[in-house]
Amino acid sequence: MIFYFTGTGNSLWAAKEIGKELNQPVENIIKQKAIFSAKTI
């Protein structure tokens, strides 16, 4: 299993490439999708 953390998507891309080569699943370290939410900014 490959774990990654990304803010821009670069680490996600690298993790997916490594996962493909090693035939391993890729998992985000942080399950939370949003830090906060609001109706308006």
PDB file of N, CA and C in Angstrom:
ATOM      1  N   MET A   1       0.853  -1.163   0.000  1.00  0.00           N
ATOM      2  CA  MET A   1       0.000   0.000   0.000  1.00  0.00           C
ATOM      3  C   MET A   1       0.906   1.235   0.000  1.00  0.00           C
ATOM      4  N   ILE A   2       0.550   2.197  -0.841  1.00  0.00           N
ATOM      5  CA  ILE A   2       1.285   3.449  -0.953  1.00  0.00           C
ATOM      6  C   ILE A   2       0.450   4.543  -0.293  1.00  0.00           C
ATOM      7  N   PHE A   3       1.034   5.248   0.678  1.00  0.00           N
ATOM      8  CA  PHE A   3       0.374   6.370   1.330  1.00  0.00           C
ATOM      9  C   PHE A   3       0.944   7.667   0.781  1.00  0.00           C
ATOM     10  N   TYR A   4       0.079   8.686   0.640  1.00  0.00           N
ATOM     11  CA  TYR A   4       0.547   9.978   0.145  1.00  0.00           C
ATOM     12  C   TYR A   4      -0.175  11.111   0.852  1.00  0.00           C
ATOM     13  N   PHE A   5       0.439  12.281   0.814  1.00  0.00           N
ATOM     14  CA  PHE A   5      -0.165  13.531   1.257  1.00  0.00           C
ATOM     15  C   PHE A   5       0.127  14.541   0.164  1.00  0.00           C
ATOM     16  N   THR A   6      -0.872  15.280  -0.267  1.00  0.00           N
ATOM     17  CA  THR A   6      -0.653  16.242  -1.338  1.00  0.00           C
ATOM     18  C   THR A   6      -1.458  17.505  -1.109  1.00  0.00           C
ATOM     19  N   GLY A   7      -0.906  18.598  -1.527  1.00  0.00           N
ATOM     20  CA  GLY A   7      -1.613  19.872  -1.495  1.00  0.00           C
ATOM     21  C   GLY A   7      -1.890  20.365  -2.902  1.00  0.00           C
ATOM     22  N   THR A   8      -0.995  19.997  -3.826  1.00  0.00           N
ATOM     23  CA  THR A   8      -1.113  20.477  -5.205  1.00  0.00           C
ATOM     24  C   THR A   8      -1.448  19.380  -6.199  1.00  0.00           C
ATOM     25  N   GLY A   9      -1.310  18.133  -5.802  1.00  0.00           N
ATOM     26  CA  GLY A   9      -1.577  17.026  -6.708  1.00  0.00           C
ATOM     27  C   GLY A   9      -0.322  16.336  -7.207  1.00  0.00           C
ATOM     28  N   ASN A  10       0.844  16.949  -6.999  1.00  0.00           N
ATOM     29  CA  ASN A  10       2.088  16.345  -7.472  1.00  0.00           C
ATOM     30  C   ASN A  10       2.386  15.025  -6.773  1.00  0.00           C
ATOM     31  N   SER A  11       2.205  14.982  -5.459  1.00  0.00           N
ATOM     32  CA  SER A  11       2.460  13.752  -4.712  1.00  0.00           C
ATOM     33  C   SER A  11       1.452  12.670  -5.073  1.00  0.00           C
ATOM     34  N   LEU A  12       0.225  13.070  -5.350  1.00  0.00           N
ATOM     35  CA  LEU A  12      -0.794  12.110  -5.779  1.00  0.00           C
ATOM     36  C   LEU A  12      -0.373  11.461  -7.083  1.00  0.00           C
ATOM     37  N   TRP A  13       0.079  12.256  -8.031  1.00  0.00           N
ATOM     38  CA  TRP A  13       0.519  11.716  -9.318  1.00  0.00           C
ATOM     39  C   TRP A  13       1.668  10.730  -9.113  1.00  0.00           C
ATOM     40  N   ALA A  14       2.658  11.128  -8.315  1.00  0.00           N
ATOM     41  CA  ALA A  14       3.814  10.263  -8.065  1.00  0.00           C
ATOM     42  C   ALA A  14       3.381   8.971  -7.374  1.00  0.00           C
ATOM     43  N   ALA A  15       2.502   9.073  -6.389  1.00  0.00           N
ATOM     44  CA  ALA A  15       2.027   7.890  -5.671  1.00  0.00           C
ATOM     45  C   ALA A  15       1.291   6.941  -6.605  1.00  0.00           C
ATOM     46  N   LYS A  16       0.465   7.488  -7.499  1.00  0.00           N
ATOM     47  CA  LYS A  16      -0.256   6.640  -8.454  1.00  0.00           C
ATOM     48  C   LYS A  16       0.702   5.928  -9.397  1.00  0.00           C
ATOM     49  N   GLU A  17       1.731   6.626  -9.858  1.00  0.00           N
ATOM     50  CA  GLU A  17       2.718   6.007 -10.748  1.00  0.00           C
ATOM     51  C   GLU A  17       3.461   4.883 -10.034  1.00  0.00           C
ATOM     52  N   ILE A  18       3.874   5.124  -8.804  1.00  0.00           N
ATOM     53  CA  ILE A  18       4.564   4.097  -8.016  1.00  0.00           C
ATOM     54  C   ILE A  18       3.621   2.933  -7.745  1.00  0.00           C
ATOM     55  N   GLY A  19       2.377   3.234  -7.392  1.00  0.00           N
ATOM     56  CA  GLY A  19       1.386   2.192  -7.147  1.00  0.00           C
ATOM     57  C   GLY A  19       1.164   1.305  -8.361  1.00  0.00           C
ATOM     58  N   LYS A  20       1.138   1.917  -9.552  1.00  0.00           N
ATOM     59  CA  LYS A  20       0.985   1.130 -10.788  1.00  0.00           C
ATOM     60  C   LYS A  20       2.168   0.198 -10.988  1.00  0.00           C
ATOM     61  N   GLU A  21       3.375   0.725 -10.791  1.00  0.00           N
ATOM     62  CA  GLU A  21       4.588  -0.075 -10.992  1.00  0.00           C
ATOM     63  C   GLU A  21       4.686  -1.227  -9.998  1.00  0.00           C
ATOM     64  N   LEU A  22       4.289  -0.984  -8.759  1.00  0.00           N
ATOM     65  CA  LEU A  22       4.389  -1.997  -7.706  1.00  0.00           C
ATOM     66  C   LEU A  22       3.108  -2.799  -7.526  1.00  0.00           C
ATOM     67  N   ASN A  23       2.077  -2.465  -8.329  1.00  0.00           N
ATOM     68  CA  ASN A  23       0.776  -3.126  -8.219  1.00  0.00           C
ATOM     69  C   ASN A  23       0.239  -3.048  -6.785  1.00  0.00           C
ATOM     70  N   GLN A  24       0.249  -1.816  -6.245  1.00  0.00           N
ATOM     71  CA  GLN A  24      -0.188  -1.567  -4.876  1.00  0.00           C
ATOM     72  C   GLN A  24      -1.270  -0.493  -4.866  1.00  0.00           C
ATOM     73  N   PRO A  25      -2.212  -0.578  -3.925  1.00  0.00           N
ATOM     74  CA  PRO A  25      -3.226   0.473  -3.809  1.00  0.00           C
ATOM     75  C   PRO A  25      -2.614   1.759  -3.262  1.00  0.00           C
ATOM     76  N   VAL A  26      -3.247   2.885  -3.571  1.00  0.00           N
ATOM     77  CA  VAL A  26      -2.788   4.211  -3.149  1.00  0.00           C
ATOM     78  C   VAL A  26      -3.829   4.798  -2.207  1.00  0.00           C
ATOM     79  N   GLU A  27      -3.392   5.256  -1.026  1.00  0.00           N
ATOM     80  CA  GLU A  27      -4.296   5.808  -0.008  1.00  0.00           C
ATOM     81  C   GLU A  27      -3.816   7.171   0.443  1.00  0.00           C
ATOM     82  N   ASN A  28      -4.748   8.109   0.557  1.00  0.00           N
ATOM     83  CA  ASN A  28      -4.443   9.424   1.101  1.00  0.00           C
ATOM     84  C   ASN A  28      -4.286   9.299   2.614  1.00  0.00           C
ATOM     85  N   ILE A  29      -3.267   9.924   3.168  1.00  0.00           N
ATOM     86  CA  ILE A  29      -3.044   9.884   4.613  1.00  0.00           C
ATOM     87  C   ILE A  29      -4.178  10.594   5.343  1.00  0.00           C
ATOM     88  N   ILE A  30      -4.671  11.679   4.776  1.00  0.00           N
ATOM     89  CA  ILE A  30      -5.732  12.470   5.400  1.00  0.00           C
ATOM     90  C   ILE A  30      -7.060  12.122   4.740  1.00  0.00           C
ATOM     91  N   LYS A  31      -7.982  11.609   5.514  1.00  0.00           N
ATOM     92  CA  LYS A  31      -9.296  11.227   4.987  1.00  0.00           C
ATOM     93  C   LYS A  31     -10.226  12.425   4.858  1.00  0.00           C
ATOM     94  N   GLN A  32     -10.008  13.453   5.670  1.00  0.00           N
ATOM     95  CA  GLN A  32     -10.859  14.641   5.661  1.00  0.00           C
ATOM     96  C   GLN A  32     -10.657  15.400   4.352  1.00  0.00           C
ATOM     97  N   LYS A  33     -11.720  15.658   3.629  1.00  0.00           N
ATOM     98  CA  LYS A  33     -11.638  16.334   2.335  1.00  0.00           C
ATOM     99  C   LYS A  33     -11.573  17.847   2.470  1.00  0.00           C
ATOM    100  N   ALA A  34     -12.263  18.421   3.446  1.00  0.00           N
ATOM    101  CA  ALA A  34     -12.271  19.872   3.613  1.00  0.00           C
ATOM    102  C   ALA A  34     -11.932  20.219   5.060  1.00  0.00           C
ATOM    103  N   ILE A  35     -11.145  21.242   5.229  1.00  0.00           N
ATOM    104  CA  ILE A  35     -10.789  21.677   6.573  1.00  0.00           C
ATOM    105  C   ILE A  35     -11.941  22.448   7.200  1.00  0.00           C
ATOM    106  N   PHE A  36     -12.652  23.244   6.398  1.00  0.00           N
ATOM    107  CA  PHE A  36     -13.800  23.991   6.885  1.00  0.00           C
ATOM    108  C   PHE A  36     -14.812  24.104   5.761  1.00  0.00           C
ATOM    109  N   SER A  37     -16.002  24.499   6.122  1.00  0.00           N
ATOM    110  CA  SER A  37     -17.016  24.743   5.105  1.00  0.00           C
ATOM    111  C   SER A  37     -17.861  25.940   5.532  1.00  0.00           C
ATOM    112  N   ALA A  38     -18.344  26.646   4.541  1.00  0.00           N
ATOM    113  CA  ALA A  38     -19.193  27.804   4.790  1.00  0.00           C
ATOM    114  C   ALA A  38     -20.056  28.036   3.560  1.00  0.00           C
ATOM    115  N   LYS A  39     -21.171  28.689   3.758  1.00  0.00           N
ATOM    116  CA  LYS A  39     -22.040  28.994   2.626  1.00  0.00           C
ATOM    117  C   LYS A  39     -21.446  30.091   1.764  1.00  0.00           C
ATOM    118  N   THR A  40     -20.704  31.008   2.387  1.00  0.00           N
ATOM    119  CA  THR A  40     -20.040  32.084   1.645  1.00  0.00           C
ATOM    120  C   THR A  40     -18.616  32.255   2.163  1.00  0.00           C
ATOM    121  N   ILE A  41     -17.819  32.867   1.343  1.00  0.00           N
ATOM    122  CA  ILE A  41     -16.430  33.132   1.746  1.00  0.00           C
ATOM    123  C   ILE A  41     -16.325  34.545   2.263  1.00  0.00           C
TER     124      ILE A  41
END
